[in-house]
PDB file of N, CA and C in Angstrom:
ATOM      1  N   MET A   1     304.702  27.790 144.773  1.00  0.00           N
ATOM      2  CA  MET A   1     305.367  28.979 143.971  1.00  0.00           C
ATOM      3  C   MET A   1     305.428  30.019 144.833  1.00  0.00           C
ATOM      4  N   ARG A   2     304.512  30.333 145.891  1.00  0.00           N
ATOM      5  CA  ARG A   2     304.542  31.396 146.739  1.00  0.00           C
ATOM      6  C   ARG A   2     305.726  31.465 147.561  1.00  0.00           C
ATOM      7  N   GLU A   3     306.190  30.233 147.943  1.00  0.00           N
ATOM      8  CA  GLU A   3     307.475  30.274 148.635  1.00  0.00           C
ATOM      9  C   GLU A   3     308.570  30.824 147.938  1.00  0.00           C
ATOM     10  N   LEU A   4     308.699  30.396 146.551  1.00  0.00           N
ATOM     11  CA  LEU A   4     309.869  30.763 145.850  1.00  0.00           C
ATOM     12  C   LEU A   4     309.895  32.297 145.711  1.00  0.00           C
ATOM     13  N   GLU A   5     308.462  32.804 145.571  1.00  0.00           N
ATOM     14  CA  GLU A   5     308.567  34.270 145.420  1.00  0.00           C
ATOM     15  C   GLU A   5     308.733  34.915 146.742  1.00  0.00           C
ATOM     16  N   ARG A   6     308.371  34.264 147.801  1.00  0.00           N
ATOM     17  CA  ARG A   6     308.760  34.900 149.158  1.00  0.00           C
ATOM     18  C   ARG A   6     310.341  35.014 149.456  1.00  0.00           C
ATOM     19  N   ALA A   7     311.071  33.907 148.695  1.00  0.00           N
ATOM     20  CA  ALA A   7     312.280  33.882 148.997  1.00  0.00           C
ATOM     21  C   ALA A   7     313.214  34.800 147.714  1.00  0.00           C
ATOM     22  N   GLY A   8     312.425  35.489 147.056  1.00  0.00           N
ATOM     23  CA  GLY A   8     312.838  36.651 146.068  1.00  0.00           C
ATOM     24  C   GLY A   8     312.996  36.123 144.678  1.00  0.00           C
ATOM     25  N   TRP A   9     312.447  35.011 144.263  1.00  0.00           N
ATOM     26  CA  TRP A   9     312.663  34.323 143.191  1.00  0.00           C
ATOM     27  C   TRP A   9     311.418  34.926 142.170  1.00  0.00           C
ATOM     28  N   SER A  10     311.617  34.954 140.858  1.00  0.00           N
ATOM     29  CA  SER A  10     310.542  35.303 139.980  1.00  0.00           C
ATOM     30  C   SER A  10     309.959  34.024 139.580  1.00  0.00           C
ATOM     31  N   VAL A  11     308.670  33.770 139.240  1.00  0.00           N
ATOM     32  CA  VAL A  11     308.207  32.502 139.005  1.00  0.00           C
ATOM     33  C   VAL A  11     306.966  32.728 138.119  1.00  0.00           C
ATOM     34  N   GLN A  12     307.009  32.210 136.830  1.00  0.00           N
ATOM     35  CA  GLN A  12     305.852  32.374 135.841  1.00  0.00           C
ATOM     36  C   GLN A  12     305.410  30.767 135.511  1.00  0.00           C
ATOM     37  N   SER A  13     304.076  30.664 135.591  1.00  0.00           N
ATOM     38  CA  SER A  13     303.654  29.362 135.118  1.00  0.00           C
ATOM     39  C   SER A  13     303.627  29.291 133.655  1.00  0.00           C
ATOM     40  N   LEU A  14     304.045  28.245 133.143  1.00  0.00           N
ATOM     41  CA  LEU A  14     303.681  28.006 131.653  1.00  0.00           C
ATOM     42  C   LEU A  14     302.942  26.985 131.282  1.00  0.00           C
ATOM     43  N   SER A  15     302.237  26.430 132.268  1.00  0.00           N
ATOM     44  CA  SER A  15     301.752  25.030 132.397  1.00  0.00           C
ATOM     45  C   SER A  15     300.474  25.158 131.271  1.00  0.00           C
ATOM     46  N   GLN A  16     299.987  26.158 130.912  1.00  0.00           N
ATOM     47  CA  GLN A  16     298.984  26.160 129.769  1.00  0.00           C
ATOM     48  C   GLN A  16     299.431  26.317 128.483  1.00  0.00           C
ATOM     49  N   VAL A  17     300.658  26.605 128.190  1.00  0.00           N
ATOM     50  CA  VAL A  17     301.383  26.778 126.933  1.00  0.00           C
ATOM     51  C   VAL A  17     301.264  25.168 126.168  1.00  0.00           C
ATOM     52  N   GLY A  18     301.447  24.061 127.064  1.00  0.00           N
ATOM     53  CA  GLY A  18     301.512  22.868 126.431  1.00  0.00           C
ATOM     54  C   GLY A  18     302.647  22.390 125.345  1.00  0.00           C
ATOM     55  N   ASN A  19     302.216  21.620 124.479  1.00  0.00           N
ATOM     56  CA  ASN A  19     303.119  21.149 123.601  1.00  0.00           C
ATOM     57  C   ASN A  19     304.627  20.598 124.110  1.00  0.00           C
ATOM     58  N   GLY A  20     304.586  20.254 125.188  1.00  0.00           N
ATOM     59  CA  GLY A  20     306.103  19.707 125.822  1.00  0.00           C
ATOM     60  C   GLY A  20     306.790  20.755 126.676  1.00  0.00           C
ATOM     61  N   VAL A  21     306.398  22.137 126.633  1.00  0.00           N
ATOM     62  CA  VAL A  21     306.959  23.226 127.337  1.00  0.00           C
ATOM     63  C   VAL A  21     306.855  22.856 128.802  1.00  0.00           C
ATOM     64  N   PRO A  22     307.906  22.936 129.614  1.00  0.00           N
ATOM     65  CA  PRO A  22     307.964  22.735 131.021  1.00  0.00           C
ATOM     66  C   PRO A  22     307.110  23.716 131.613  1.00  0.00           C
ATOM     67  N   ASP A  23     306.645  23.456 132.893  1.00  0.00           N
ATOM     68  CA  ASP A  23     305.422  23.915 133.802  1.00  0.00           C
ATOM     69  C   ASP A  23     305.944  25.420 134.209  1.00  0.00           C
ATOM     70  N   LEU A  24     307.202  25.695 134.564  1.00  0.00           N
ATOM     71  CA  LEU A  24     307.430  26.782 135.338  1.00  0.00           C
ATOM     72  C   LEU A  24     308.665  27.457 134.659  1.00  0.00           C
ATOM     73  N   LEU A  25     308.603  28.819 134.481  1.00  0.00           N
ATOM     74  CA  LEU A  25     309.677  29.588 134.275  1.00  0.00           C
ATOM     75  C   LEU A  25     310.212  30.471 135.450  1.00  0.00           C
ATOM     76  N   VAL A  26     311.297  30.129 136.197  1.00  0.00           N
ATOM     77  CA  VAL A  26     311.866  30.667 137.270  1.00  0.00           C
ATOM     78  C   VAL A  26     313.302  31.576 137.103  1.00  0.00           C
ATOM     79  N   ALA A  27     313.454  32.554 137.768  1.00  0.00           N
ATOM     80  CA  ALA A  27     314.583  33.408 137.851  1.00  0.00           C
ATOM     81  C   ALA A  27     315.050  33.416 139.498  1.00  0.00           C
ATOM     82  N   THR A  28     316.327  33.109 139.727  1.00  0.00           N
ATOM     83  CA  THR A  28     316.911  33.377 140.887  1.00  0.00           C
ATOM     84  C   THR A  28     316.952  34.934 141.296  1.00  0.00           C
ATOM     85  N   PRO A  29     317.029  35.203 142.582  1.00  0.00           N
ATOM     86  CA  PRO A  29     317.103  36.714 142.961  1.00  0.00           C
ATOM     87  C   PRO A  29     318.362  37.353 142.349  1.00  0.00           C
ATOM     88  N   GLU A  30     319.575  36.436 141.877  1.00  0.00           N
ATOM     89  CA  GLU A  30     320.715  36.840 141.240  1.00  0.00           C
ATOM     90  C   GLU A  30     320.411  37.003 139.811  1.00  0.00           C
ATOM     91  N   GLY A  31     319.163  36.502 139.143  1.00  0.00           N
ATOM     92  CA  GLY A  31     318.872  36.616 137.855  1.00  0.00           C
ATOM     93  C   GLY A  31     319.225  35.315 136.786  1.00  0.00           C
ATOM     94  N   GLU A  32     319.644  34.308 137.430  1.00  0.00           N
ATOM     95  CA  GLU A  32     319.794  33.180 136.627  1.00  0.00           C
ATOM     96  C   GLU A  32     318.350  32.490 136.345  1.00  0.00           C
ATOM     97  N   THR A  33     318.049  32.277 135.128  1.00  0.00           N
ATOM     98  CA  THR A  33     316.685  31.897 134.789  1.00  0.00           C
ATOM     99  C   THR A  33     316.961  30.274 134.212  1.00  0.00           C
ATOM    100  N   PHE A  34     315.865  29.485 134.426  1.00  0.00           N
ATOM    101  CA  PHE A  34     315.739  28.166 134.079  1.00  0.00           C
ATOM    102  C   PHE A  34     314.393  27.807 134.086  1.00  0.00           C
ATOM    103  N   LEU A  35     314.058  26.510 133.562  1.00  0.00           N
ATOM    104  CA  LEU A  35     312.664  25.962 133.475  1.00  0.00           C
ATOM    105  C   LEU A  35     312.497  24.929 134.463  1.00  0.00           C
ATOM    106  N   ILE A  36     311.278  24.685 134.921  1.00  0.00           N
ATOM    107  CA  ILE A  36     311.169  23.298 135.801  1.00  0.00           C
ATOM    108  C   ILE A  36     310.140  22.637 135.257  1.00  0.00           C
ATOM    109  N   GLU A  37     310.120  21.489 135.028  1.00  0.00           N
ATOM    110  CA  GLU A  37     309.087  20.449 134.778  1.00  0.00           C
ATOM    111  C   GLU A  37     308.582  19.598 136.052  1.00  0.00           C
ATOM    112  N   VAL A  38     307.331  19.820 136.163  1.00  0.00           N
ATOM    113  CA  VAL A  38     306.889  19.200 137.517  1.00  0.00           C
ATOM    114  C   VAL A  38     306.088  17.984 137.211  1.00  0.00           C
ATOM    115  N   LYS A  39     306.497  16.975 137.643  1.00  0.00           N
ATOM    116  CA  LYS A  39     305.900  15.659 137.534  1.00  0.00           C
ATOM    117  C   LYS A  39     305.412  15.004 138.878  1.00  0.00           C
ATOM    118  N   ALA A  40     304.380  14.291 138.810  1.00  0.00           N
ATOM    119  CA  ALA A  40     303.761  13.801 139.988  1.00  0.00           C
ATOM    120  C   ALA A  40     304.971  12.415 140.378  1.00  0.00           C
ATOM    121  N   PRO A  41     305.009  12.142 141.584  1.00  0.00           N
ATOM    122  CA  PRO A  41     306.003  10.903 141.889  1.00  0.00           C
ATOM    123  C   PRO A  41     305.653   9.760 141.047  1.00  0.00           C
ATOM    124  N   GLY A  42     306.827   9.218 140.510  1.00  0.00           N
ATOM    125  CA  GLY A  42     306.607   7.968 139.699  1.00  0.00           C
ATOM    126  C   GLY A  42     306.212   8.287 138.151  1.00  0.00           C
ATOM    127  N   ARG A  43     305.968   9.333 137.716  1.00  0.00           N
ATOM    128  CA  ARG A  43     305.530   9.890 136.420  1.00  0.00           C
ATOM    129  C   ARG A  43     306.796  10.150 135.804  1.00  0.00           C
ATOM    130  N   LYS A  44     306.825   9.961 134.341  1.00  0.00           N
ATOM    131  CA  LYS A  44     307.909  10.294 133.637  1.00  0.00           C
ATOM    132  C   LYS A  44     307.585  11.259 132.587  1.00  0.00           C
ATOM    133  N   LEU A  45     308.722  11.785 131.851  1.00  0.00           N
ATOM    134  CA  LEU A  45     308.393  12.798 130.933  1.00  0.00           C
ATOM    135  C   LEU A  45     307.725  12.126 129.469  1.00  0.00           C
ATOM    136  N   SER A  46     306.784  12.698 128.973  1.00  0.00           N
ATOM    137  CA  SER A  46     306.017  12.162 127.653  1.00  0.00           C
ATOM    138  C   SER A  46     307.110  12.250 126.591  1.00  0.00           C
ATOM    139  N   GLU A  47     306.774  11.543 125.661  1.00  0.00           N
ATOM    140  CA  GLU A  47     307.618  11.717 124.228  1.00  0.00           C
ATOM    141  C   GLU A  47     307.601  13.317 123.894  1.00  0.00           C
ATOM    142  N   ARG A  48     306.500  14.058 123.895  1.00  0.00           N
ATOM    143  CA  ARG A  48     306.566  15.303 123.594  1.00  0.00           C
ATOM    144  C   ARG A  48     307.623  16.432 124.451  1.00  0.00           C
ATOM    145  N   GLN A  49     307.512  16.113 125.637  1.00  0.00           N
ATOM    146  CA  GLN A  49     308.179  16.610 126.564  1.00  0.00           C
ATOM    147  C   GLN A  49     309.544  16.470 126.339  1.00  0.00           C
ATOM    148  N   ARG A  50     310.096  15.321 126.123  1.00  0.00           N
ATOM    149  CA  ARG A  50     311.448  14.699 125.875  1.00  0.00           C
ATOM    150  C   ARG A  50     312.004  15.393 124.457  1.00  0.00           C
ATOM    151  N   ARG A  51     311.131  15.492 123.543  1.00  0.00           N
ATOM    152  CA  ARG A  51     311.397  16.007 122.394  1.00  0.00           C
ATOM    153  C   ARG A  51     312.017  17.706 122.422  1.00  0.00           C
ATOM    154  N   TRP A  52     310.926  18.198 123.190  1.00  0.00           N
ATOM    155  CA  TRP A  52     310.993  19.668 123.325  1.00  0.00           C
ATOM    156  C   TRP A  52     312.191  19.975 124.124  1.00  0.00           C
ATOM    157  N   GLN A  53     312.691  19.220 125.265  1.00  0.00           N
ATOM    158  CA  GLN A  53     313.615  19.275 125.951  1.00  0.00           C
ATOM    159  C   GLN A  53     315.044  19.059 125.428  1.00  0.00           C
ATOM    160  N   SER A  54     314.935  18.300 124.301  1.00  0.00           N
ATOM    161  CA  SER A  54     316.303  17.828 123.552  1.00  0.00           C
ATOM    162  C   SER A  54     316.563  19.043 122.601  1.00  0.00           C
ATOM    163  N   GLN A  55     315.738  19.925 122.242  1.00  0.00           N
ATOM    164  CA  GLN A  55     315.965  21.002 121.417  1.00  0.00           C
ATOM    165  C   GLN A  55     316.232  22.381 122.017  1.00  0.00           C
ATOM    166  N   TRP A  56     315.866  22.322 123.390  1.00  0.00           N
ATOM    167  CA  TRP A  56     316.218  23.466 124.255  1.00  0.00           C
ATOM    168  C   TRP A  56     317.362  23.622 124.776  1.00  0.00           C
ATOM    169  N   LYS A  57     318.146  24.852 124.487  1.00  0.00           N
ATOM    170  CA  LYS A  57     319.607  25.102 124.868  1.00  0.00           C
ATOM    171  C   LYS A  57     319.682  25.427 126.088  1.00  0.00           C
ATOM    172  N   GLY A  58     318.730  25.952 127.008  1.00  0.00           N
ATOM    173  CA  GLY A  58     319.032  26.491 128.314  1.00  0.00           C
ATOM    174  C   GLY A  58     318.691  25.247 129.275  1.00  0.00           C
ATOM    175  N   ARG A  59     318.861  25.501 130.460  1.00  0.00           N
ATOM    176  CA  ARG A  59     318.730  24.756 131.742  1.00  0.00           C
ATOM    177  C   ARG A  59     317.439  24.500 131.981  1.00  0.00           C
ATOM    178  N   ILE A  60     316.981  22.979 132.145  1.00  0.00           N
ATOM    179  CA  ILE A  60     315.687  22.432 132.519  1.00  0.00           C
ATOM    180  C   ILE A  60     315.816  21.574 133.682  1.00  0.00           C
ATOM    181  N   GLU A  61     315.227  21.703 134.748  1.00  0.00           N
ATOM    182  CA  GLU A  61     315.110  20.769 135.770  1.00  0.00           C
ATOM    183  C   GLU A  61     313.620  20.049 135.814  1.00  0.00           C
ATOM    184  N   THR A  62     313.507  18.853 136.115  1.00  0.00           N
ATOM    185  CA  THR A  62     312.581  17.949 136.356  1.00  0.00           C
ATOM    186  C   THR A  62     312.597  17.496 137.814  1.00  0.00           C
ATOM    187  N   VAL A  63     311.453  18.128 138.505  1.00  0.00           N
ATOM    188  CA  VAL A  63     311.256  17.735 139.846  1.00  0.00           C
ATOM    189  C   VAL A  63     309.774  16.794 140.081  1.00  0.00           C
ATOM    190  N   HIS A  64     309.945  15.842 141.066  1.00  0.00           N
ATOM    191  CA  HIS A  64     308.961  15.022 141.458  1.00  0.00           C
ATOM    192  C   HIS A  64     308.429  15.203 142.711  1.00  0.00           C
ATOM    193  N   SER A  65     309.068  15.945 143.645  1.00  0.00           N
ATOM    194  CA  SER A  65     308.616  16.197 144.984  1.00  0.00           C
ATOM    195  C   SER A  65     308.950  17.560 145.385  1.00  0.00           C
ATOM    196  N   LEU A  66     308.426  18.098 146.313  1.00  0.00           N
ATOM    197  CA  LEU A  66     308.700  19.312 146.954  1.00  0.00           C
ATOM    198  C   LEU A  66     310.248  19.306 147.532  1.00  0.00           C
ATOM    199  N   ASP A  67     310.653  18.246 147.888  1.00  0.00           N
ATOM    200  CA  ASP A  67     311.899  18.094 148.279  1.00  0.00           C
ATOM    201  C   ASP A  67     312.967  18.217 147.329  1.00  0.00           C
ATOM    202  N   GLU A  68     312.657  17.621 146.166  1.00  0.00           N
ATOM    203  CA  GLU A  68     313.422  17.860 144.959  1.00  0.00           C
ATOM    204  C   GLU A  68     313.771  19.396 144.638  1.00  0.00           C
ATOM    205  N   LEU A  69     312.584  20.253 144.721  1.00  0.00           N
ATOM    206  CA  LEU A  69     312.537  21.620 144.290  1.00  0.00           C
ATOM    207  C   LEU A  69     313.307  22.191 145.379  1.00  0.00           C
ATOM    208  N   ALA A  70     313.230  21.810 146.665  1.00  0.00           N
ATOM    209  CA  ALA A  70     313.803  22.522 147.738  1.00  0.00           C
ATOM    210  C   ALA A  70     315.421  22.082 147.534  1.00  0.00           C
ATOM    211  N   ARG A  71     315.793  21.224 146.988  1.00  0.00           N
ATOM    212  CA  ARG A  71     317.518  20.839 146.738  1.00  0.00           C
ATOM    213  C   ARG A  71     317.797  21.730 145.785  1.00  0.00           C
ATOM    214  N   ILE A  72     317.142  21.860 144.586  1.00  0.00           N
ATOM    215  CA  ILE A  72     317.449  22.826 143.495  1.00  0.00           C
ATOM    216  C   ILE A  72     317.516  24.335 144.030  1.00  0.00           C
ATOM    217  N   VAL A  73     316.614  24.710 144.931  1.00  0.00           N
ATOM    218  CA  VAL A  73     316.482  25.913 145.354  1.00  0.00           C
ATOM    219  C   VAL A  73     317.789  26.302 146.358  1.00  0.00           C
ATOM    220  N   GLY A  74     317.937  25.252 147.214  1.00  0.00           N
ATOM    221  CA  GLY A  74     318.932  25.286 147.999  1.00  0.00           C
ATOM    222  C   GLY A  74     320.398  25.324 147.418  1.00  0.00           C
ATOM    223  N   ALA A  75     320.444  24.828 146.153  1.00  0.00           N
ATOM    224  CA  ALA A  75     321.651  24.613 145.290  1.00  0.00           C
ATOM    225  C   ALA A  75     322.036  26.278 144.765  1.00  0.00           C
ATOM    226  N   GLN A  76     320.854  26.880 144.659  1.00  0.00           N
ATOM    227  CA  GLN A  76     320.820  28.343 144.147  1.00  0.00           C
ATOM    228  C   GLN A  76     321.115  29.395 145.274  1.00  0.00           C
ATOM    229  N   GLY A  77     321.507  28.844 146.416  1.00  0.00           N
ATOM    230  CA  GLY A  77     321.440  29.797 147.497  1.00  0.00           C
ATOM    231  C   GLY A  77     320.248  30.323 148.332  1.00  0.00           C
ATOM    232  N   ALA A  78     319.332  30.143 148.011  1.00  0.00           N
ATOM    233  CA  ALA A  78     318.048  30.427 148.770  1.00  0.00           C
ATOM    234  C   ALA A  78     317.789  29.255 149.633  1.00  0.00           C
ATOM    235  N   THR A  79     318.052  29.634 150.969  1.00  0.00           N
ATOM    236  CA  THR A  79     317.986  28.508 151.894  1.00  0.00           C
ATOM    237  C   THR A  79     316.799  28.749 152.620  1.00  0.00           C
ATOM    238  N   SER A  80     315.985  29.849 152.662  1.00  0.00           N
ATOM    239  CA  SER A  80     314.717  30.196 153.290  1.00  0.00           C
ATOM    240  C   SER A  80     313.514  29.450 152.948  1.00  0.00           C
ATOM    241  N   ILE A  81     313.809  28.519 152.113  1.00  0.00           N
ATOM    242  CA  ILE A  81     312.403  27.913 151.581  1.00  0.00           C
ATOM    243  C   ILE A  81     312.107  26.813 152.598  1.00  0.00           C
ATOM    244  N   ASP A  82     310.632  26.815 152.982  1.00  0.00           N
ATOM    245  CA  ASP A  82     310.358  25.926 153.797  1.00  0.00           C
ATOM    246  C   ASP A  82     308.876  25.254 153.202  1.00  0.00           C
ATOM    247  N   TYR A  83     308.954  24.124 152.856  1.00  0.00           N
ATOM    248  CA  TYR A  83     307.619  23.510 152.211  1.00  0.00           C
ATOM    249  C   TYR A  83     306.714  22.732 153.008  1.00  0.00           C
ATOM    250  N   HIS A  84     307.261  22.490 154.335  1.00  0.00           N
ATOM    251  CA  HIS A  84     306.432  21.896 155.218  1.00  0.00           C
ATOM    252  C   HIS A  84     306.187  20.474 154.704  1.00  0.00           C
ATOM    253  N   CYS A  85     307.102  19.546 154.181  1.00  0.00           N
ATOM    254  CA  CYS A  85     307.032  18.331 153.967  1.00  0.00           C
ATOM    255  C   CYS A  85     307.297  17.422 155.027  1.00  0.00           C
ATOM    256  N   GLY A  86     306.355  16.545 155.275  1.00  0.00           N
ATOM    257  CA  GLY A  86     306.552  15.642 156.400  1.00  0.00           C
ATOM    258  C   GLY A  86     307.696  14.705 156.279  1.00  0.00           C
ATOM    259  N   GLU A  87     307.720  14.048 155.092  1.00  0.00           N
ATOM    260  CA  GLU A  87     308.711  12.941 154.897  1.00  0.00           C
ATOM    261  C   GLU A  87     309.453  13.188 153.717  1.00  0.00           C
ATOM    262  N   SER A  88     310.755  12.688 153.509  1.00  0.00           N
ATOM    263  CA  SER A  88     311.658  12.962 152.303  1.00  0.00           C
ATOM    264  C   SER A  88     310.863  12.565 151.072  1.00  0.00           C
ATOM    265  N   ASN A  89     310.951  13.101 150.002  1.00  0.00           N
ATOM    266  CA  ASN A  89     310.177  12.664 148.833  1.00  0.00           C
ATOM    267  C   ASN A  89     308.713  12.161 148.841  1.00  0.00           C
ATOM    268  N   ARG A  90     308.180  12.926 149.702  1.00  0.00           N
ATOM    269  CA  ARG A  90     306.675  12.768 149.887  1.00  0.00           C
ATOM    270  C   ARG A  90     306.092  14.150 149.544  1.00  0.00           C
ATOM    271  N   SER A  91     304.828  14.133 148.881  1.00  0.00           N
ATOM    272  CA  SER A  91     303.941  15.302 148.735  1.00  0.00           C
ATOM    273  C   SER A  91     303.405  15.833 149.907  1.00  0.00           C
ATOM    274  N   PRO A  92     303.086  16.880 150.176  1.00  0.00           N
ATOM    275  CA  PRO A  92     302.333  17.515 151.381  1.00  0.00           C
ATOM    276  C   PRO A  92     300.924  16.671 151.488  1.00  0.00           C
ATOM    277  N   ARG A  93     300.645  16.345 152.751  1.00  0.00           N
ATOM    278  CA  ARG A  93     299.238  15.689 152.934  1.00  0.00           C
ATOM    279  C   ARG A  93     299.040  14.359 152.361  1.00  0.00           C
ATOM    280  N   GLY A  94     300.283  13.768 151.614  1.00  0.00           N
ATOM    281  CA  GLY A  94     299.934  12.600 151.175  1.00  0.00           C
ATOM    282  C   GLY A  94     299.532  12.704 149.596  1.00  0.00           C
ATOM    283  N   VAL A  95     299.169  13.777 149.186  1.00  0.00           N
ATOM    284  CA  VAL A  95     298.609  14.041 147.860  1.00  0.00           C
ATOM    285  C   VAL A  95     299.277  14.140 146.809  1.00  0.00           C
ATOM    286  N   ALA A  96     299.023  14.028 145.692  1.00  0.00           N
ATOM    287  CA  ALA A  96     299.864  14.178 144.461  1.00  0.00           C
ATOM    288  C   ALA A  96     300.144  15.637 144.316  1.00  0.00           C
ATOM    289  N   TRP A  97     301.414  15.931 144.190  1.00  0.00           N
ATOM    290  CA  TRP A  97     302.088  17.275 144.243  1.00  0.00           C
ATOM    291  C   TRP A  97     301.620  18.080 142.948  1.00  0.00           C
ATOM    292  N   ASP A  98     300.949  19.206 142.940  1.00  0.00           N
ATOM    293  CA  ASP A  98     300.543  19.982 141.929  1.00  0.00           C
ATOM    294  C   ASP A  98     300.879  21.278 142.262  1.00  0.00           C
ATOM    295  N   PRO A  99     302.030  21.829 141.480  1.00  0.00           N
ATOM    296  CA  PRO A  99     302.498  23.174 142.116  1.00  0.00           C
ATOM    297  C   PRO A  99     301.730  24.440 141.599  1.00  0.00           C
ATOM    298  N   MET A 100     300.785  24.122 140.637  1.00  0.00           N
ATOM    299  CA  MET A 100     299.866  25.013 140.098  1.00  0.00           C
ATOM    300  C   MET A 100     298.780  25.426 141.112  1.00  0.00           C
ATOM    301  N   ARG A 101     298.709  24.289 141.920  1.00  0.00           N
ATOM    302  CA  ARG A 101     297.694  24.343 142.991  1.00  0.00           C
ATOM    303  C   ARG A 101     298.256  24.931 144.230  1.00  0.00           C
ATOM    304  N   GLN A 102     298.636  26.284 144.428  1.00  0.00           N
ATOM    305  CA  GLN A 102     299.482  27.027 145.348  1.00  0.00           C
ATOM    306  C   GLN A 102     299.082  26.776 146.652  1.00  0.00           C
ATOM    307  N   GLN A 103     297.920  26.491 147.236  1.00  0.00           N
ATOM    308  CA  GLN A 103     297.303  26.034 148.532  1.00  0.00           C
ATOM    309  C   GLN A 103     298.206  24.849 148.943  1.00  0.00           C
ATOM    310  N   GLN A 104     298.866  24.016 148.095  1.00  0.00           N
ATOM    311  CA  GLN A 104     299.577  22.946 148.437  1.00  0.00           C
ATOM    312  C   GLN A 104     301.016  23.271 148.873  1.00  0.00           C
ATOM    313  N   MET A 105     301.378  24.488 148.435  1.00  0.00           N
ATOM    314  CA  MET A 105     303.002  24.992 148.602  1.00  0.00           C
ATOM    315  C   MET A 105     302.685  25.896 149.805  1.00  0.00           C
TER     316      MET A 105
END
């Protein structure tokens, strides 16, 4: 999350909300907002998450790796993000990626 903030994004963790709500609310430097659901590699959305997302009218992205997040960020024009990923679609240091643990970002 700190890398996004350093690139000028606003980031708010929603992980404590629960009930299927995505993990992050983000806004680009230009003001576009969307939600990001973070899943560990190989994990899928729960039924509660699918239900919540089916009712939400705004943009939601689901990411399984830092590389996927970097792709979304890059598509939004923020190219200065560096997540220090060693291999494509791998989490840093070979551990499950948890964006709430900022030291891994």
